[in-house]
N, C-alpha and C. Protein backbone atom coordinates (compact mmCIF):
# COMPACT_ATOMS: atom_id res chain seq x y z
N UNK A 1 8.69 -37.83 63.19
CA UNK A 1 9.86 -36.91 63.37
C UNK A 1 11.38 -36.70 62.48
N UNK A 2 11.50 -35.56 63.25
CA UNK A 2 12.19 -35.32 62.44
C UNK A 2 14.23 -35.49 62.25
N UNK A 3 14.16 -35.04 61.32
CA UNK A 3 15.77 -35.33 60.97
C UNK A 3 16.69 -34.77 61.80
N UNK A 4 17.72 -35.17 62.28
CA UNK A 4 18.97 -34.56 63.45
C UNK A 4 19.83 -33.29 62.46
N UNK A 5 20.06 -32.14 63.29
CA UNK A 5 20.36 -30.64 62.01
C UNK A 5 22.15 -31.55 62.61
N UNK A 6 22.88 -32.19 63.49
CA UNK A 6 23.86 -32.40 63.59
C UNK A 6 23.88 -34.12 63.17
N UNK A 7 25.30 -34.24 63.59
CA UNK A 7 26.15 -35.82 63.56
C UNK A 7 25.99 -36.48 64.60
N UNK A 8 25.23 -37.35 64.72
CA UNK A 8 25.44 -37.82 66.58
C UNK A 8 27.05 -38.51 66.28
N UNK A 9 27.48 -38.89 65.70
CA UNK A 9 28.67 -39.30 66.18
C UNK A 9 29.85 -38.30 66.72
N UNK A 10 29.94 -37.79 65.84
CA UNK A 10 30.32 -36.60 66.26
C UNK A 10 30.12 -36.08 67.22
N UNK A 11 28.85 -34.94 68.00
CA UNK A 11 28.33 -34.47 68.99
C UNK A 11 28.47 -35.31 70.13
N UNK A 12 28.05 -37.04 70.11
CA UNK A 12 28.57 -37.29 71.72
C UNK A 12 29.36 -38.76 71.02
N UNK A 13 30.77 -38.49 70.02
CA UNK A 13 32.11 -38.70 70.32
C UNK A 13 32.64 -39.52 70.89
N UNK A 14 32.40 -38.21 72.56
CA UNK A 14 33.09 -38.85 73.60
C UNK A 14 32.54 -40.17 74.46
N UNK A 15 31.38 -39.94 74.71
CA UNK A 15 30.21 -41.38 74.75
C UNK A 15 30.64 -42.16 74.12
N UNK A 16 30.29 -42.35 72.96
CA UNK A 16 30.22 -43.44 72.21
C UNK A 16 32.18 -43.78 72.53
N UNK A 17 33.02 -43.35 72.04
CA UNK A 17 34.18 -43.65 73.19
C UNK A 17 34.52 -44.80 74.02
N UNK A 18 33.99 -44.25 75.20
CA UNK A 18 33.44 -44.90 75.97
C UNK A 18 33.06 -46.12 76.31
N UNK A 19 31.94 -46.14 75.07
CA UNK A 19 31.39 -47.61 74.88
C UNK A 19 32.35 -48.11 74.41
N UNK A 20 32.67 -47.72 73.27
CA UNK A 20 33.23 -48.45 72.28
C UNK A 20 34.83 -49.36 73.38
N UNK A 21 35.42 -48.33 73.52
CA UNK A 21 36.85 -48.56 74.94
C UNK A 21 36.53 -50.08 75.89
N UNK A 22 34.88 -49.47 76.37
CA UNK A 22 34.27 -50.69 77.55
C UNK A 22 34.08 -51.71 77.03
N UNK A 23 33.38 -52.30 75.66
CA UNK A 23 33.59 -53.25 74.41
C UNK A 23 34.61 -53.53 74.23
N UNK A 24 35.64 -52.59 73.76
CA UNK A 24 36.69 -53.28 73.50
C UNK A 24 37.36 -54.39 74.35
N UNK A 25 37.87 -53.75 75.80
CA UNK A 25 38.04 -54.41 77.17
C UNK A 25 37.21 -55.71 77.04
N UNK A 26 35.82 -55.95 77.13
CA UNK A 26 35.17 -57.46 77.10
C UNK A 26 35.71 -57.89 76.41
N UNK A 27 36.22 -57.59 74.85
CA UNK A 27 36.45 -58.39 74.17
C UNK A 27 37.98 -59.28 73.89
N UNK A 28 37.95 -58.26 74.75
CA UNK A 28 40.17 -58.87 75.06
C UNK A 28 39.86 -59.83 76.34
N UNK A 29 38.56 -59.85 76.97
CA UNK A 29 38.75 -60.93 78.30
C UNK A 29 39.27 -60.24 79.15
N UNK A 30 38.95 -58.41 79.36
CA UNK A 30 39.24 -57.90 80.10
C UNK A 30 38.22 -57.77 81.90
N UNK A 31 37.93 -58.94 82.14
CA UNK A 31 36.83 -59.29 83.17
C UNK A 31 37.51 -60.08 84.34
N UNK A 32 37.05 -59.52 85.88
CA UNK A 32 37.83 -60.02 86.58
C UNK A 32 37.81 -62.00 86.74
N UNK A 33 36.78 -61.96 86.54
CA UNK A 33 36.15 -63.71 86.74
C UNK A 33 37.30 -64.41 85.47
N UNK A 34 38.09 -64.03 84.10
CA UNK A 34 38.65 -64.36 83.71
C UNK A 34 40.22 -63.83 83.37
N UNK A 35 40.44 -62.53 83.98
CA UNK A 35 42.12 -61.88 84.42
C UNK A 35 42.46 -62.32 85.93
N UNK A 36 41.78 -62.07 86.82
CA UNK A 36 42.44 -62.04 88.15
C UNK A 36 42.74 -60.89 88.70
N UNK A 37 42.41 -59.53 87.69
CA UNK A 37 42.63 -58.37 87.74
C UNK A 37 41.56 -57.78 88.69
N UNK A 38 41.86 -57.84 90.03
CA UNK A 38 40.40 -57.16 90.45
C UNK A 38 40.07 -55.66 90.00
N UNK A 39 40.81 -54.69 88.69
CA UNK A 39 40.55 -53.45 88.19
C UNK A 39 40.21 -53.77 87.02
N UNK A 40 39.52 -55.10 86.60
CA UNK A 40 39.36 -55.42 85.42
C UNK A 40 37.27 -55.31 85.39
N UNK A 41 37.39 -55.42 86.96
CA UNK A 41 35.89 -55.22 87.90
C UNK A 41 35.12 -56.72 86.65
N UNK A 42 34.39 -57.65 87.10
CA UNK A 42 33.02 -58.68 87.44
C UNK A 42 32.71 -57.96 85.86
N UNK A 43 32.14 -59.31 85.56
CA UNK A 43 31.56 -59.36 84.31
C UNK A 43 29.82 -58.41 84.52
N UNK A 44 29.51 -58.87 85.56
CA UNK A 44 28.11 -57.87 85.72
C UNK A 44 28.43 -56.77 86.05
N UNK A 45 29.28 -56.54 87.24
CA UNK A 45 29.56 -55.32 87.20
C UNK A 45 29.81 -53.93 85.48
N UNK A 46 30.62 -54.88 84.61
CA UNK A 46 30.84 -53.87 83.44
C UNK A 46 30.05 -53.93 82.37
N UNK A 47 28.48 -55.08 82.96
CA UNK A 47 27.60 -55.01 81.67
C UNK A 47 26.47 -53.80 82.08
N UNK A 48 26.78 -53.79 83.74
CA UNK A 48 25.78 -52.79 84.03
C UNK A 48 26.10 -51.07 84.00
N UNK A 49 27.78 -51.35 84.03
CA UNK A 49 28.08 -49.78 83.52
C UNK A 49 27.65 -49.63 82.23
N UNK A 50 27.68 -50.63 80.62
CA UNK A 50 27.07 -49.93 79.31
C UNK A 50 25.82 -50.12 79.38
N UNK A 51 24.88 -50.34 80.26
CA UNK A 51 23.68 -50.24 80.81
C UNK A 51 23.54 -48.57 81.02
N UNK A 52 24.26 -48.22 81.77
CA UNK A 52 24.29 -46.82 82.45
C UNK A 52 24.56 -45.99 81.36
N UNK A 53 25.62 -46.78 80.21
CA UNK A 53 26.50 -45.32 79.83
C UNK A 53 24.80 -45.64 78.38
N UNK A 54 25.29 -46.32 77.38
CA UNK A 54 23.94 -46.50 77.05
C UNK A 54 22.62 -45.67 76.97
N UNK A 55 22.11 -45.28 78.45
CA UNK A 55 20.83 -45.40 78.81
C UNK A 55 21.30 -43.51 79.41
N UNK A 56 22.42 -43.04 79.56
CA UNK A 56 23.03 -41.34 79.44
C UNK A 56 23.29 -41.29 78.57
N UNK A 57 23.43 -42.34 77.44
CA UNK A 57 23.85 -41.42 75.70
C UNK A 57 22.53 -41.19 75.42
N UNK A 58 21.59 -42.09 75.27
CA UNK A 58 19.76 -41.96 75.00
C UNK A 58 19.69 -40.61 75.91
N UNK A 59 19.68 -40.87 77.03
CA UNK A 59 19.26 -39.47 77.26
C UNK A 59 19.58 -38.70 76.99
N UNK A 60 20.56 -38.26 76.93
CA UNK A 60 21.43 -36.49 76.18
C UNK A 60 20.69 -36.66 74.51
N UNK A 61 20.61 -38.20 74.25
CA UNK A 61 20.49 -37.23 72.80
C UNK A 61 18.31 -36.87 71.99
N UNK A 62 17.84 -37.89 73.22
CA UNK A 62 16.45 -38.06 73.38
C UNK A 62 16.04 -36.13 73.94
N UNK A 63 16.69 -35.90 74.86
CA UNK A 63 16.78 -34.73 75.33
C UNK A 63 17.68 -33.13 75.09
N UNK A 64 17.92 -33.61 73.91
CA UNK A 64 18.47 -33.23 73.12
C UNK A 64 20.08 -31.47 73.71
N UNK A 65 20.24 -32.95 74.44
CA UNK A 65 21.93 -32.48 75.41
C UNK A 65 23.11 -32.29 74.46
N UNK A 66 23.55 -31.34 74.65
CA UNK A 66 25.44 -31.14 74.58
C UNK A 66 26.63 -32.71 74.66
N UNK A 67 26.73 -33.00 73.14
CA UNK A 67 27.57 -34.49 74.49
C UNK A 67 29.34 -33.17 74.80
N UNK A 68 29.24 -34.16 75.86
CA UNK A 68 30.37 -33.74 77.16
C UNK A 68 31.81 -33.27 76.26
N UNK A 69 31.81 -33.40 74.89
CA UNK A 69 33.38 -32.82 74.13
C UNK A 69 32.81 -31.70 74.20
N UNK A 70 31.64 -31.64 73.30
CA UNK A 70 31.08 -30.04 72.90
C UNK A 70 30.93 -29.01 74.56
N UNK A 71 30.62 -30.10 75.51
CA UNK A 71 30.59 -29.30 76.64
C UNK A 71 31.91 -28.98 77.16
N UNK A 72 33.00 -29.46 77.26
CA UNK A 72 34.27 -29.34 77.32
C UNK A 72 34.76 -28.22 76.44
N UNK A 73 34.18 -28.10 75.64
CA UNK A 73 35.09 -27.16 74.81
C UNK A 73 34.88 -25.59 75.10
N UNK A 74 32.60 -26.37 75.18
CA UNK A 74 32.37 -24.62 75.76
C UNK A 74 33.36 -24.11 77.42
N UNK A 75 33.04 -24.94 78.04
CA UNK A 75 34.06 -25.16 78.74
C UNK A 75 35.07 -23.58 79.42
N UNK A 76 35.92 -24.61 77.92
CA UNK A 76 37.07 -23.59 77.72
C UNK A 76 37.19 -22.62 77.23
N UNK A 77 36.18 -22.60 75.84
CA UNK A 77 36.43 -21.29 75.99
C UNK A 77 36.02 -20.25 76.76
N UNK A 78 35.65 -20.56 77.38
CA UNK A 78 34.57 -19.77 78.13
C UNK A 78 35.83 -19.43 80.15
N UNK A 79 36.88 -20.03 79.82
CA UNK A 79 37.69 -19.42 80.35
C UNK A 79 39.01 -18.21 80.01
N UNK A 80 39.14 -18.46 78.61
CA UNK A 80 40.14 -17.27 78.50
C UNK A 80 39.08 -16.49 78.24
C-alpha cells in the first residue's frame, strides 16, 4: 500500500469537523430523548447520520476525491 502524499486531516477538514461536531453534540446529551428538543433528533437518527458521514469520508479517501474544503476553494477561485 502506498503512503498518501497529502494530510487527511487537512484535505478532509470539513468532513472531519462535521463528524466532530456531531459527536460533541451527542456528548452534551443533545438528543431528543434527553433534551426534548426535536431539533436535536433521536439518538438512532444521529447514529445513522454519523454512519453516513464516516462512509462518505472513507469513500472520498478510497477513491481519491478531494475534500469539501478543497472543492469549495476551487469553485471560489473559478468565480474570479
